[in-house]
Amino acid sequence: MKISQSQRKLENNGLALGLVISIALHGALAAGLYGHFNTTKPQALNLTRISLDVFNVGGGQSDLAPAQESVVEEIIEEEPLVEEKPLEPIVEKPIIEDKIVEEVVKKPEPKPKKEKPKKKKTEKKKEKKDDTKKDDVAKTGGNNALSASTNSIASSAMTSTTPTQNLSASEKENIGAQIQAIIAAYAKKHYPHKARITKKRGTVKVSFIIDKDGAVSDVRITDSSGHEILDEAAIKFIHKTKHKFPKPSVKTTFDTPIKFTLI
C-alpha cells in the first residue's frame, strides 16, 4: 500500500518524539541510579518498554464527514413524495355532479297523468243524469226488493224497454225476477271487502241490453252511488253473472238499481 506524505511526516514526528522521550527517561534513570549507588547498595533495575504504536495516525476510515453527506441526500429524495398527497381531494368533484343530475331527472317524473280518467268520470256523470230522467218517465212498476236478512245487496224495480217491440207482462216479470235472484246470490258472496270495512252503502243504477241469443252489451252506470268502489262492483257483478241471464224473445234494454246495504 502507498503511504501519503502527510502520513509519513506524522510517522517521522512520532518516531522523533519517541526517541526524545526515551532518551529523557534513560537519562533520568541513569541519574537516579548514579545517586543511589553512591548512598545505598545497587538494586535490580525494572525497565519498562514504551510502544510507539500508541500514536494513531489520522486519515483513517473513522471520519464522520462522509456519513453526514449520505443523510442529506436521503432527505432530498423524500421531499417529492409529500407533494403528491394534496391531489387526492380533486376526485370528489364528479360525485357532486352525479347527485345534481339525479335530482334533475327525478323532477319531470311526477306528471299529471291522472287528469285523463277524471274527464271520463265527469262525462259519465252527465250521461247518467240524462238517462235517469228518461228512466223515471219509463218506470211504471213498483220496487221488488229481496229480503235484507238473506241478501246484503238487493236489486229492485227492474223495468224493461224494447226499441221496437214490447215484451209481455208475464215475460218481463219472469226475466226480471230471475236476473234479480242471480245478481243477489252472487253479490251476497262477493260484497266488496273494503266497502264492508268502511261501512259504505248506496244504490247504483245499471243499464244493459240483452239480445235474443242472450248476449249482454252496453253495460253502463246511469246513476252513481257516490262511492267508486260500489259502482265498480255493480259493473263487475253484471259481467260475472251475464252468462246465466235468461234470453228474452226480443232485444231489450234493462235498467236496474242495485242496492248495497249492511245489516
C-alpha atoms as a PDB file:
ATOM      1  CA  MET A   1       0.000   0.000   0.000  1.00  0.00           C
ATOM      2  CA  LYS A   2       1.202   3.524  -0.798  1.00  0.00           C
ATOM      3  CA  ILE A   3       1.644   5.949   2.126  1.00  0.00           C
ATOM      4  CA  SER A   4       0.902   9.641   1.595  1.00  0.00           C
ATOM      5  CA  GLN A   5       3.422  12.333   2.514  1.00  0.00           C
ATOM      6  CA  SER A   6       1.304  13.622   5.415  1.00  0.00           C
ATOM      7  CA  GLN A   7       1.209  10.178   6.931  1.00  0.00           C
ATOM      8  CA  ARG A   8       4.938   9.806   6.529  1.00  0.00           C
ATOM      9  CA  LYS A   9       5.548  13.150   8.250  1.00  0.00           C
ATOM     10  CA  LEU A  10       3.360  12.138  11.140  1.00  0.00           C
ATOM     11  CA  GLU A  11       5.168   8.853  11.463  1.00  0.00           C
ATOM     12  CA  ASN A  12       8.565  10.615  11.437  1.00  0.00           C
ATOM     13  CA  ASN A  13       7.408  13.124  14.045  1.00  0.00           C
ATOM     14  CA  GLY A  14       6.106  10.294  16.186  1.00  0.00           C
ATOM     15  CA  LEU A  15       9.416   8.484  15.979  1.00  0.00           C
ATOM     16  CA  ALA A  16      11.298  11.651  16.897  1.00  0.00           C
ATOM     17  CA  LEU A  17       9.091  12.257  19.899  1.00  0.00           C
ATOM     18  CA  GLY A  18       9.523   8.680  20.971  1.00  0.00           C
ATOM     19  CA  LEU A  19      13.277   8.942  20.793  1.00  0.00           C
ATOM     20  CA  VAL A  20      13.306  12.183  22.777  1.00  0.00           C
ATOM     21  CA  ILE A  21      11.086  10.680  25.454  1.00  0.00           C
ATOM     22  CA  SER A  22      13.142   7.517  25.664  1.00  0.00           C
ATOM     23  CA  ILE A  23      16.389   9.494  25.931  1.00  0.00           C
ATOM     24  CA  ALA A  24      14.924  11.658  28.681  1.00  0.00           C
ATOM     25  CA  LEU A  25      13.748   8.628  30.595  1.00  0.00           C
ATOM     26  CA  HIS A  26      17.007   6.862  30.224  1.00  0.00           C
ATOM     27  CA  GLY A  27      18.889   9.977  31.377  1.00  0.00           C
ATOM     28  CA  ALA A  28      16.659  10.293  34.421  1.00  0.00           C
ATOM     29  CA  LEU A  29      17.127   6.657  35.257  1.00  0.00           C
ATOM     30  CA  ALA A  30      20.868   6.948  34.883  1.00  0.00           C
ATOM     31  CA  ALA A  31      20.978   9.963  37.171  1.00  0.00           C
ATOM     32  CA  GLY A  32      18.882   8.234  39.768  1.00  0.00           C
ATOM     33  CA  LEU A  33      20.972   5.115  39.659  1.00  0.00           C
ATOM     34  CA  TYR A  34      24.100   7.071  39.946  1.00  0.00           C
ATOM     35  CA  GLY A  35      22.917   8.828  43.088  1.00  0.00           C
ATOM     36  CA  HIS A  36      21.524   5.657  44.533  1.00  0.00           C
ATOM     37  CA  PHE A  37      24.704   3.694  44.088  1.00  0.00           C
ATOM     38  CA  ASN A  38      26.551   6.349  45.944  1.00  0.00           C
ATOM     39  CA  THR A  39      24.293   6.025  49.046  1.00  0.00           C
ATOM     40  CA  THR A  40      22.893   2.511  49.037  1.00  0.00           C
ATOM     41  CA  LYS A  41      23.580  -0.818  47.579  1.00  0.00           C
ATOM     42  CA  PRO A  42      22.878  -1.377  43.990  1.00  0.00           C
ATOM     43  CA  GLN A  43      19.438  -2.901  43.296  1.00  0.00           C
ATOM     44  CA  ALA A  44      17.978  -4.607  40.266  1.00  0.00           C
ATOM     45  CA  LEU A  45      16.560  -2.203  37.675  1.00  0.00           C
ATOM     46  CA  ASN A  46      12.992  -2.576  36.390  1.00  0.00           C
ATOM     47  CA  LEU A  47      12.892  -1.475  32.795  1.00  0.00           C
ATOM     48  CA  THR A  48       9.597  -0.635  31.050  1.00  0.00           C
ATOM     49  CA  ARG A  49       9.104  -0.594  27.331  1.00  0.00           C
ATOM     50  CA  ILE A  50       7.048   2.118  25.667  1.00  0.00           C
ATOM     51  CA  SER A  51       5.451   1.068  22.396  1.00  0.00           C
ATOM     52  CA  LEU A  52       5.362   3.652  19.684  1.00  0.00           C
ATOM     53  CA  ASP A  53       2.085   2.216  18.330  1.00  0.00           C
ATOM     54  CA  VAL A  54       0.098   4.299  20.859  1.00  0.00           C
ATOM     55  CA  PHE A  55       0.070   7.255  18.493  1.00  0.00           C
ATOM     56  CA  ASN A  56      -2.649   6.757  15.795  1.00  0.00           C
ATOM     57  CA  VAL A  57      -2.080   8.473  12.523  1.00  0.00           C
ATOM     58  CA  GLY A  58      -5.080  10.473  11.197  1.00  0.00           C
ATOM     59  CA  GLY A  59      -6.831   9.977   7.825  1.00  0.00           C
ATOM     60  CA  GLY A  60      -8.410   6.571   8.560  1.00  0.00           C
ATOM     61  CA  GLN A  61     -11.927   5.224   7.861  1.00  0.00           C
ATOM     62  CA  SER A  62     -13.349   6.502  11.202  1.00  0.00           C
ATOM     63  CA  ASP A  63     -14.148  10.023   9.865  1.00  0.00           C
ATOM     64  CA  LEU A  64     -17.836  11.043  10.167  1.00  0.00           C
ATOM     65  CA  ALA A  65     -17.953  13.580   7.318  1.00  0.00           C
ATOM     66  CA  PRO A  66     -18.986  11.173   4.509  1.00  0.00           C
ATOM     67  CA  ALA A  67     -21.780   9.692   6.718  1.00  0.00           C
ATOM     68  CA  GLN A  68     -23.370  13.158   7.081  1.00  0.00           C
ATOM     69  CA  GLU A  69     -23.389  13.717   3.313  1.00  0.00           C
ATOM     70  CA  SER A  70     -25.379  10.488   2.702  1.00  0.00           C
ATOM     71  CA  VAL A  71     -28.060  11.597   5.216  1.00  0.00           C
ATOM     72  CA  VAL A  72     -28.562  14.893   3.368  1.00  0.00           C
ATOM     73  CA  GLU A  73     -29.064  13.087   0.075  1.00  0.00           C
ATOM     74  CA  GLU A  74     -31.799  10.817   1.537  1.00  0.00           C
ATOM     75  CA  ILE A  75     -33.818  13.797   2.855  1.00  0.00           C
ATOM     76  CA  ILE A  76     -33.801  15.439  -0.572  1.00  0.00           C
ATOM     77  CA  GLU A  77     -35.202  12.279  -2.191  1.00  0.00           C
ATOM     78  CA  GLU A  78     -38.195  12.088   0.221  1.00  0.00           C
ATOM     79  CA  GLU A  79     -39.471  15.662  -0.468  1.00  0.00           C
ATOM     80  CA  PRO A  80     -41.283  14.988  -3.825  1.00  0.00           C
ATOM     81  CA  LEU A  81     -43.352  12.158  -2.230  1.00  0.00           C
ATOM     82  CA  VAL A  82     -45.014  14.567   0.233  1.00  0.00           C
ATOM     83  CA  GLU A  83     -46.206  16.904  -2.571  1.00  0.00           C
ATOM     84  CA  GLU A  84     -48.454  14.212  -4.214  1.00  0.00           C
ATOM     85  CA  LYS A  85     -50.891  13.872  -1.242  1.00  0.00           C
ATOM     86  CA  PRO A  86     -52.934  17.117  -1.690  1.00  0.00           C
ATOM     87  CA  LEU A  87     -54.049  15.943  -5.176  1.00  0.00           C
ATOM     88  CA  GLU A  88     -56.499  13.325  -3.720  1.00  0.00           C
ATOM     89  CA  PRO A  89     -59.479  15.650  -2.834  1.00  0.00           C
ATOM     90  CA  ILE A  90     -59.921  16.516  -6.545  1.00  0.00           C
ATOM     91  CA  VAL A  91     -61.730  13.157  -7.066  1.00  0.00           C
ATOM     92  CA  GLU A  92     -64.779  14.364  -5.061  1.00  0.00           C
ATOM     93  CA  LYS A  93     -65.958  16.842  -7.741  1.00  0.00           C
ATOM     94  CA  PRO A  94     -67.619  14.331 -10.180  1.00  0.00           C
ATOM     95  CA  ILE A  95     -69.643  12.846  -7.265  1.00  0.00           C
ATOM     96  CA  ILE A  96     -71.370  16.196  -6.685  1.00  0.00           C
ATOM     97  CA  GLU A  97     -72.226  16.441 -10.392  1.00  0.00           C
ATOM     98  CA  ASP A  98     -73.875  12.983 -10.360  1.00  0.00           C
ATOM     99  CA  LYS A  99     -76.154  13.989  -7.483  1.00  0.00           C
ATOM    100  CA  ILE A 100     -77.260  17.107  -9.321  1.00  0.00           C
ATOM    101  CA  VAL A 101     -78.055  15.094 -12.458  1.00  0.00           C
ATOM    102  CA  GLU A 102     -80.153  12.603 -10.465  1.00  0.00           C
ATOM    103  CA  GLU A 103     -82.196  15.385  -8.906  1.00  0.00           C
ATOM    104  CA  VAL A 104     -82.860  16.954 -12.302  1.00  0.00           C
ATOM    105  CA  VAL A 105     -84.004  13.611 -13.726  1.00  0.00           C
ATOM    106  CA  LYS A 106     -86.382  12.950 -10.842  1.00  0.00           C
ATOM    107  CA  LYS A 107     -88.222  16.270 -11.201  1.00  0.00           C
ATOM    108  CA  PRO A 108     -90.010  15.536 -14.538  1.00  0.00           C
ATOM    109  CA  GLU A 109     -91.325  12.160 -13.267  1.00  0.00           C
ATOM    110  CA  PRO A 110     -94.427  13.389 -11.374  1.00  0.00           C
ATOM    111  CA  LYS A 111     -96.501  14.340 -14.412  1.00  0.00           C
ATOM    112  CA  PRO A 112    -100.255  14.906 -14.154  1.00  0.00           C
ATOM    113  CA  LYS A 113    -101.201  11.665 -15.924  1.00  0.00           C
ATOM    114  CA  LYS A 114    -104.283  11.122 -13.777  1.00  0.00           C
ATOM    115  CA  GLU A 115    -106.160  14.042 -15.302  1.00  0.00           C
ATOM    116  CA  LYS A 116    -107.461  11.989 -18.243  1.00  0.00           C
ATOM    117  CA  PRO A 117    -109.577   9.492 -16.223  1.00  0.00           C
ATOM    118  CA  LYS A 118    -111.125  12.399 -14.316  1.00  0.00           C
ATOM    119  CA  LYS A 119    -112.569  13.741 -17.555  1.00  0.00           C
ATOM    120  CA  LYS A 120    -114.152  10.380 -18.258  1.00  0.00           C
ATOM    121  CA  LYS A 121    -115.865  10.373 -14.884  1.00  0.00           C
ATOM    122  CA  THR A 122    -117.376  13.792 -15.488  1.00  0.00           C
ATOM    123  CA  GLU A 123    -118.667  12.692 -18.868  1.00  0.00           C
ATOM    124  CA  LYS A 124    -120.218   9.582 -17.315  1.00  0.00           C
ATOM    125  CA  LYS A 125    -121.985  11.629 -14.675  1.00  0.00           C
ATOM    126  CA  LYS A 126    -123.541  13.844 -17.346  1.00  0.00           C
ATOM    127  CA  GLU A 127    -124.794  10.804 -19.224  1.00  0.00           C
ATOM    128  CA  LYS A 128    -126.165   9.307 -16.020  1.00  0.00           C
ATOM    129  CA  LYS A 129    -128.210  12.404 -15.242  1.00  0.00           C
ATOM    130  CA  ASP A 130    -129.740  12.410 -18.723  1.00  0.00           C
ATOM    131  CA  ASP A 131    -130.547   8.702 -18.565  1.00  0.00           C
ATOM    132  CA  THR A 132    -132.129   8.902 -15.127  1.00  0.00           C
ATOM    133  CA  LYS A 133    -134.649  11.432 -16.404  1.00  0.00           C
ATOM    134  CA  LYS A 134    -135.657   9.043 -19.161  1.00  0.00           C
ATOM    135  CA  ASP A 135    -135.810   6.085 -16.747  1.00  0.00           C
ATOM    136  CA  ASP A 136    -138.110   7.919 -14.344  1.00  0.00           C
ATOM    137  CA  VAL A 137    -140.607   8.511 -17.141  1.00  0.00           C
ATOM    138  CA  ALA A 138    -140.403   4.906 -18.391  1.00  0.00           C
ATOM    139  CA  LYS A 139    -140.827   3.285 -14.969  1.00  0.00           C
ATOM    140  CA  THR A 140    -144.344   2.026 -14.316  1.00  0.00           C
ATOM    141  CA  GLY A 141    -143.898  -0.847 -11.858  1.00  0.00           C
ATOM    142  CA  GLY A 142    -143.118  -0.802  -8.137  1.00  0.00           C
ATOM    143  CA  ASN A 143    -139.913  -1.789  -6.397  1.00  0.00           C
ATOM    144  CA  ASN A 144    -139.435  -5.508  -5.773  1.00  0.00           C
ATOM    145  CA  ALA A 145    -136.575  -5.790  -3.239  1.00  0.00           C
ATOM    146  CA  LEU A 146    -135.147  -9.048  -1.935  1.00  0.00           C
ATOM    147  CA  SER A 147    -135.096  -9.814   1.773  1.00  0.00           C
ATOM    148  CA  ALA A 148    -132.293  -7.966   3.618  1.00  0.00           C
ATOM    149  CA  SER A 149    -131.774 -10.877   6.006  1.00  0.00           C
ATOM    150  CA  THR A 150    -130.823 -13.277   3.225  1.00  0.00           C
ATOM    151  CA  ASN A 151    -129.038 -10.885   0.879  1.00  0.00           C
ATOM    152  CA  SER A 152    -126.746  -7.994   1.740  1.00  0.00           C
ATOM    153  CA  ILE A 153    -127.460  -6.476  -1.660  1.00  0.00           C
ATOM    154  CA  ALA A 154    -130.919  -6.213  -3.255  1.00  0.00           C
ATOM    155  CA  SER A 155    -131.650  -5.325  -6.841  1.00  0.00           C
ATOM    156  CA  SER A 156    -135.102  -3.871  -7.211  1.00  0.00           C
ATOM    157  CA  ALA A 157    -137.606  -2.350  -9.613  1.00  0.00           C
ATOM    158  CA  MET A 158    -136.310  -3.862 -12.851  1.00  0.00           C
ATOM    159  CA  THR A 159    -138.061  -2.337 -15.805  1.00  0.00           C
ATOM    160  CA  SER A 160    -137.603  -3.237 -19.438  1.00  0.00           C
ATOM    161  CA  THR A 161    -137.986  -1.322 -22.621  1.00  0.00           C
ATOM    162  CA  THR A 162    -137.741  -2.517 -26.205  1.00  0.00           C
ATOM    163  CA  PRO A 163    -136.503  -0.478 -29.137  1.00  0.00           C
ATOM    164  CA  THR A 164    -139.170  -1.844 -31.473  1.00  0.00           C
ATOM    165  CA  GLN A 165    -141.428  -4.312 -29.645  1.00  0.00           C
ATOM    166  CA  ASN A 166    -142.533  -4.730 -26.044  1.00  0.00           C
ATOM    167  CA  LEU A 167    -142.301  -7.920 -24.018  1.00  0.00           C
ATOM    168  CA  SER A 168    -145.427  -9.306 -22.470  1.00  0.00           C
ATOM    169  CA  ALA A 169    -146.026  -8.509 -18.826  1.00  0.00           C
ATOM    170  CA  SER A 170    -145.512 -12.106 -17.757  1.00  0.00           C
ATOM    171  CA  GLU A 171    -142.198 -12.387 -19.630  1.00  0.00           C
ATOM    172  CA  LYS A 172    -140.933  -9.146 -18.073  1.00  0.00           C
ATOM    173  CA  GLU A 173    -141.702 -10.381 -14.575  1.00  0.00           C
ATOM    174  CA  ASN A 174    -140.104 -13.788 -15.124  1.00  0.00           C
ATOM    175  CA  ILE A 175    -136.874 -12.462 -16.678  1.00  0.00           C
ATOM    176  CA  GLY A 176    -136.612  -9.635 -14.140  1.00  0.00           C
ATOM    177  CA  ALA A 177    -137.108 -11.981 -11.181  1.00  0.00           C
ATOM    178  CA  GLN A 178    -134.513 -14.441 -12.480  1.00  0.00           C
ATOM    179  CA  ILE A 179    -131.911 -11.705 -13.095  1.00  0.00           C
ATOM    180  CA  GLN A 180    -132.539 -10.279  -9.616  1.00  0.00           C
ATOM    181  CA  ALA A 181    -132.007 -13.663  -7.992  1.00  0.00           C
ATOM    182  CA  ILE A 182    -128.819 -14.331  -9.977  1.00  0.00           C
ATOM    183  CA  ILE A 183    -127.230 -10.949  -9.140  1.00  0.00           C
ATOM    184  CA  ALA A 184    -128.298 -11.091  -5.481  1.00  0.00           C
ATOM    185  CA  ALA A 185    -126.861 -14.597  -4.977  1.00  0.00           C
ATOM    186  CA  TYR A 186    -123.511 -13.565  -6.446  1.00  0.00           C
ATOM    187  CA  ALA A 187    -123.438 -10.245  -4.603  1.00  0.00           C
ATOM    188  CA  LYS A 188    -124.085 -11.953  -1.280  1.00  0.00           C
ATOM    189  CA  LYS A 189    -120.767 -13.807  -1.575  1.00  0.00           C
ATOM    190  CA  HIS A 190    -118.750 -11.022  -3.210  1.00  0.00           C
ATOM    191  CA  TYR A 191    -119.636  -7.860  -1.300  1.00  0.00           C
ATOM    192  CA  PRO A 192    -116.588  -5.532  -1.654  1.00  0.00           C
ATOM    193  CA  HIS A 193    -114.327  -6.159   1.329  1.00  0.00           C
ATOM    194  CA  LYS A 194    -113.110  -2.571   1.609  1.00  0.00           C
ATOM    195  CA  ALA A 195    -116.666  -1.258   1.387  1.00  0.00           C
ATOM    196  CA  ARG A 196    -117.741  -3.626   4.148  1.00  0.00           C
ATOM    197  CA  ILE A 197    -114.895  -2.497   6.445  1.00  0.00           C
ATOM    198  CA  THR A 198    -115.549   1.191   5.810  1.00  0.00           C
ATOM    199  CA  LYS A 199    -119.347   0.588   6.009  1.00  0.00           C
ATOM    200  CA  LYS A 200    -120.082   2.185   2.668  1.00  0.00           C
ATOM    201  CA  ARG A 201    -123.682   1.983   1.429  1.00  0.00           C
ATOM    202  CA  GLY A 202    -125.538   3.187  -1.629  1.00  0.00           C
ATOM    203  CA  THR A 203    -127.588   2.372  -4.708  1.00  0.00           C
ATOM    204  CA  VAL A 204    -126.127   2.013  -8.196  1.00  0.00           C
ATOM    205  CA  LYS A 205    -128.399   2.148 -11.255  1.00  0.00           C
ATOM    206  CA  VAL A 206    -127.058  -0.025 -14.071  1.00  0.00           C
ATOM    207  CA  SER A 207    -128.323  -0.247 -17.663  1.00  0.00           C
ATOM    208  CA  PHE A 208    -127.575  -3.104 -20.085  1.00  0.00           C
ATOM    209  CA  ILE A 209    -129.030  -4.714 -23.234  1.00  0.00           C
ATOM    210  CA  ILE A 210    -129.863  -8.419 -23.595  1.00  0.00           C
ATOM    211  CA  ASP A 211    -130.176  -9.773 -27.146  1.00  0.00           C
ATOM    212  CA  LYS A 212    -132.280 -12.708 -28.327  1.00  0.00           C
ATOM    213  CA  ASP A 213    -129.254 -15.026 -28.183  1.00  0.00           C
ATOM    214  CA  GLY A 214    -128.536 -13.950 -24.572  1.00  0.00           C
ATOM    215  CA  ALA A 215    -125.585 -11.661 -25.391  1.00  0.00           C
ATOM    216  CA  VAL A 216    -125.236  -8.775 -22.920  1.00  0.00           C
ATOM    217  CA  SER A 217    -123.853  -5.459 -24.169  1.00  0.00           C
ATOM    218  CA  ASP A 218    -123.719  -1.725 -23.421  1.00  0.00           C
ATOM    219  CA  VAL A 219    -123.301  -2.187 -19.669  1.00  0.00           C
ATOM    220  CA  ARG A 220    -123.080   1.246 -18.055  1.00  0.00           C
ATOM    221  CA  ILE A 221    -123.921   3.142 -14.875  1.00  0.00           C
ATOM    222  CA  THR A 222    -126.824   5.544 -15.215  1.00  0.00           C
ATOM    223  CA  ASP A 223    -126.700   6.819 -11.625  1.00  0.00           C
ATOM    224  CA  SER A 224    -123.673   6.604  -9.317  1.00  0.00           C
ATOM    225  CA  SER A 225    -123.863   5.604  -5.667  1.00  0.00           C
ATOM    226  CA  GLY A 226    -121.329   8.254  -4.751  1.00  0.00           C
ATOM    227  CA  HIS A 227    -118.682   5.594  -3.990  1.00  0.00           C
ATOM    228  CA  GLU A 228    -116.393   4.449  -6.760  1.00  0.00           C
ATOM    229  CA  ILE A 229    -115.840   1.049  -5.164  1.00  0.00           C
ATOM    230  CA  LEU A 230    -119.594   0.307  -5.196  1.00  0.00           C
ATOM    231  CA  ASP A 231    -120.002   1.488  -8.799  1.00  0.00           C
ATOM    232  CA  GLU A 232    -117.178  -0.786  -9.946  1.00  0.00           C
ATOM    233  CA  ALA A 233    -118.628  -3.717  -8.011  1.00  0.00           C
ATOM    234  CA  ALA A 234    -122.043  -3.304  -9.697  1.00  0.00           C
ATOM    235  CA  ILE A 235    -120.493  -3.431 -13.189  1.00  0.00           C
ATOM    236  CA  LYS A 236    -118.413  -6.419 -12.147  1.00  0.00           C
ATOM    237  CA  PHE A 237    -121.470  -8.314 -10.882  1.00  0.00           C
ATOM    238  CA  ILE A 238    -123.229  -7.887 -14.262  1.00  0.00           C
ATOM    239  CA  HIS A 239    -120.257  -9.253 -16.229  1.00  0.00           C
ATOM    240  CA  LYS A 240    -119.718 -12.152 -13.839  1.00  0.00           C
ATOM    241  CA  THR A 241    -123.351 -13.319 -13.998  1.00  0.00           C
ATOM    242  CA  LYS A 242    -124.473 -12.325 -17.523  1.00  0.00           C
ATOM    243  CA  HIS A 243    -123.966 -15.846 -18.896  1.00  0.00           C
ATOM    244  CA  LYS A 244    -126.710 -17.024 -16.523  1.00  0.00           C
ATOM    245  CA  PHE A 245    -129.321 -14.443 -17.599  1.00  0.00           C
ATOM    246  CA  PRO A 246    -132.418 -15.795 -19.428  1.00  0.00           C
ATOM    247  CA  LYS A 247    -132.872 -14.966 -23.116  1.00  0.00           C
ATOM    248  CA  PRO A 248    -135.742 -12.617 -23.974  1.00  0.00           C
ATOM    249  CA  SER A 249    -137.788 -13.057 -27.148  1.00  0.00           C
ATOM    250  CA  VAL A 250    -136.949  -9.507 -28.189  1.00  0.00           C
ATOM    251  CA  LYS A 251    -133.766  -7.442 -27.820  1.00  0.00           C
ATOM    252  CA  THR A 252    -134.430  -5.473 -24.649  1.00  0.00           C
ATOM    253  CA  THR A 253    -132.739  -2.826 -22.522  1.00  0.00           C
ATOM    254  CA  PHE A 254    -132.914  -3.439 -18.768  1.00  0.00           C
ATOM    255  CA  ASP A 255    -132.392  -0.770 -16.116  1.00  0.00           C
ATOM    256  CA  THR A 256    -131.940  -1.983 -12.575  1.00  0.00           C
ATOM    257  CA  PRO A 257    -130.920  -0.287  -9.328  1.00  0.00           C
ATOM    258  CA  ILE A 258    -128.531  -2.400  -7.230  1.00  0.00           C
ATOM    259  CA  LYS A 259    -128.663  -1.571  -3.538  1.00  0.00           C
ATOM    260  CA  PHE A 260    -125.629  -2.041  -1.290  1.00  0.00           C
ATOM    261  CA  THR A 261    -126.724  -2.402   2.324  1.00  0.00           C
ATOM    262  CA  LEU A 262    -125.092  -3.640   5.527  1.00  0.00           C
ATOM    263  CA  ILE A 263    -127.053  -5.411   8.282  1.00  0.00           C
END
